[in-house]
C-alpha atoms as a PDB file:
ATOM      1  CA  MET A   1      30.901 -29.443 -11.603  1.00  0.00           C
ATOM      2  CA  ILE A   2      28.615 -26.381 -11.797  1.00  0.00           C
ATOM      3  CA  THR A   3      29.161 -23.307  -9.705  1.00  0.00           C
ATOM      4  CA  LEU A   4      26.216 -20.979  -9.188  1.00  0.00           C
ATOM      5  CA  LYS A   5      26.732 -17.374  -8.271  1.00  0.00           C
ATOM      6  CA  SER A   6      24.317 -15.586  -6.011  1.00  0.00           C
ATOM      7  CA  VAL A   7      22.631 -12.899  -8.059  1.00  0.00           C
ATOM      8  CA  THR A   8      20.422 -10.200  -6.627  1.00  0.00           C
ATOM      9  CA  LEU A   9      17.854  -9.051  -9.167  1.00  0.00           C
ATOM     10  CA  ARG A  10      16.357  -5.649  -8.629  1.00  0.00           C
ATOM     11  CA  ARG A  11      12.662  -6.162  -9.162  1.00  0.00           C
ATOM     12  CA  SER A  12      10.338  -3.210  -9.118  1.00  0.00           C
ATOM     13  CA  ALA A  13       6.956  -2.084 -10.325  1.00  0.00           C
ATOM     14  CA  LYS A  14       5.786   1.281 -11.627  1.00  0.00           C
ATOM     15  CA  VAL A  15       2.378   2.808 -12.289  1.00  0.00           C
ATOM     16  CA  LEU A  16       2.131   5.344 -15.102  1.00  0.00           C
ATOM     17  CA  LEU A  17      -0.698   7.756 -15.923  1.00  0.00           C
ATOM     18  CA  ASP A  18      -0.501   9.168 -19.438  1.00  0.00           C
ATOM     19  CA  GLY A  19       3.093   7.947 -19.621  1.00  0.00           C
ATOM     20  CA  LYS A  20       4.211   9.722 -16.420  1.00  0.00           C
ATOM     21  CA  GLU A  21       5.359   7.702 -13.416  1.00  0.00           C
ATOM     22  CA  VAL A  22       3.069   8.299 -10.423  1.00  0.00           C
ATOM     23  CA  TRP A  23       4.181   5.396  -8.213  1.00  0.00           C
ATOM     24  CA  SER A  24       7.086   2.982  -7.920  1.00  0.00           C
ATOM     25  CA  GLY A  25       8.007   0.314  -5.427  1.00  0.00           C
ATOM     26  CA  PRO A  26       9.031  -3.316  -4.992  1.00  0.00           C
ATOM     27  CA  SER A  27       7.202  -5.859  -7.132  1.00  0.00           C
ATOM     28  CA  SER A  28       5.696  -9.119  -5.932  1.00  0.00           C
ATOM     29  CA  ALA A  29       3.076 -11.617  -7.007  1.00  0.00           C
ATOM     30  CA  ALA A  30       0.406  -9.581  -5.196  1.00  0.00           C
ATOM     31  CA  GLY A  31       0.274  -6.146  -3.664  1.00  0.00           C
ATOM     32  CA  THR A  32      -1.140  -2.651  -3.797  1.00  0.00           C
ATOM     33  CA  ALA A  33      -0.029   0.729  -5.084  1.00  0.00           C
ATOM     34  CA  THR A  34      -1.473   3.800  -3.392  1.00  0.00           C
ATOM     35  CA  PHE A  35      -0.939   7.218  -4.951  1.00  0.00           C
ATOM     36  CA  LYS A  36      -2.685  10.579  -5.243  1.00  0.00           C
ATOM     37  CA  VAL A  37      -4.113  12.006  -8.439  1.00  0.00           C
ATOM     38  CA  HIS A  38      -4.365  15.775  -8.083  1.00  0.00           C
ATOM     39  CA  LYS A  39      -6.745  16.479 -10.965  1.00  0.00           C
ATOM     40  CA  GLY A  40      -9.844  14.636 -12.123  1.00  0.00           C
ATOM     41  CA  GLY A  41     -10.142  13.470 -15.707  1.00  0.00           C
ATOM     42  CA  ARG A  42      -9.510  10.562 -18.026  1.00  0.00           C
ATOM     43  CA  TYR A  43      -6.114   8.906 -17.884  1.00  0.00           C
ATOM     44  CA  GLN A  44      -4.371   6.045 -19.645  1.00  0.00           C
ATOM     45  CA  MET A  45      -2.959   3.820 -16.880  1.00  0.00           C
ATOM     46  CA  GLN A  46      -0.147   1.326 -17.389  1.00  0.00           C
ATOM     47  CA  VAL A  47       1.887  -0.910 -15.097  1.00  0.00           C
ATOM     48  CA  ALA A  48       5.571  -1.621 -15.678  1.00  0.00           C
ATOM     49  CA  LEU A  49       7.333  -4.610 -14.126  1.00  0.00           C
ATOM     50  CA  CYS A  50      11.107  -4.221 -14.082  1.00  0.00           C
ATOM     51  CA  ASN A  51      14.161  -6.341 -13.352  1.00  0.00           C
ATOM     52  CA  GLY A  52      17.863  -6.178 -14.146  1.00  0.00           C
ATOM     53  CA  ASP A  53      17.139  -6.659 -17.863  1.00  0.00           C
ATOM     54  CA  GLY A  54      14.689  -3.760 -18.188  1.00  0.00           C
ATOM     55  CA  CYS A  55      10.944  -3.164 -17.917  1.00  0.00           C
ATOM     56  CA  THR A  56       7.864  -4.709 -19.494  1.00  0.00           C
ATOM     57  CA  LEU A  57       4.913  -2.359 -19.912  1.00  0.00           C
ATOM     58  CA  SER A  58       1.262  -3.434 -19.790  1.00  0.00           C
ATOM     59  CA  ASP A  59      -1.325  -2.364 -22.312  1.00  0.00           C
ATOM     60  CA  ALA A  60      -2.949   0.958 -21.441  1.00  0.00           C
ATOM     61  CA  LYS A  61      -6.308   0.963 -19.659  1.00  0.00           C
ATOM     62  CA  GLU A  62      -8.445   4.086 -19.507  1.00  0.00           C
ATOM     63  CA  ILE A  63      -9.466   5.162 -15.998  1.00  0.00           C
ATOM     64  CA  VAL A  64     -11.696   8.043 -14.915  1.00  0.00           C
ATOM     65  CA  VAL A  65     -10.819  10.038 -11.804  1.00  0.00           C
ATOM     66  CA  ALA A  66     -13.568  12.204 -10.321  1.00  0.00           C
ATOM     67  CA  ASP A  67     -12.627  15.263  -8.305  1.00  0.00           C
END
């Protein structure tokens, strides 16, 4: 006999610009992240997907923000 426990995993996503968190929220298979960038320039953007075991960080992608 196998007994399964109900486990709630906290799943979240984060957006980082130059290593600083600018957005966080619940993660899903599809969605959007809306946030303000207060200064134009070149940034290294990464996405982190997190659960109860920790976070996995994407490779950095350069973005350009015009002001």
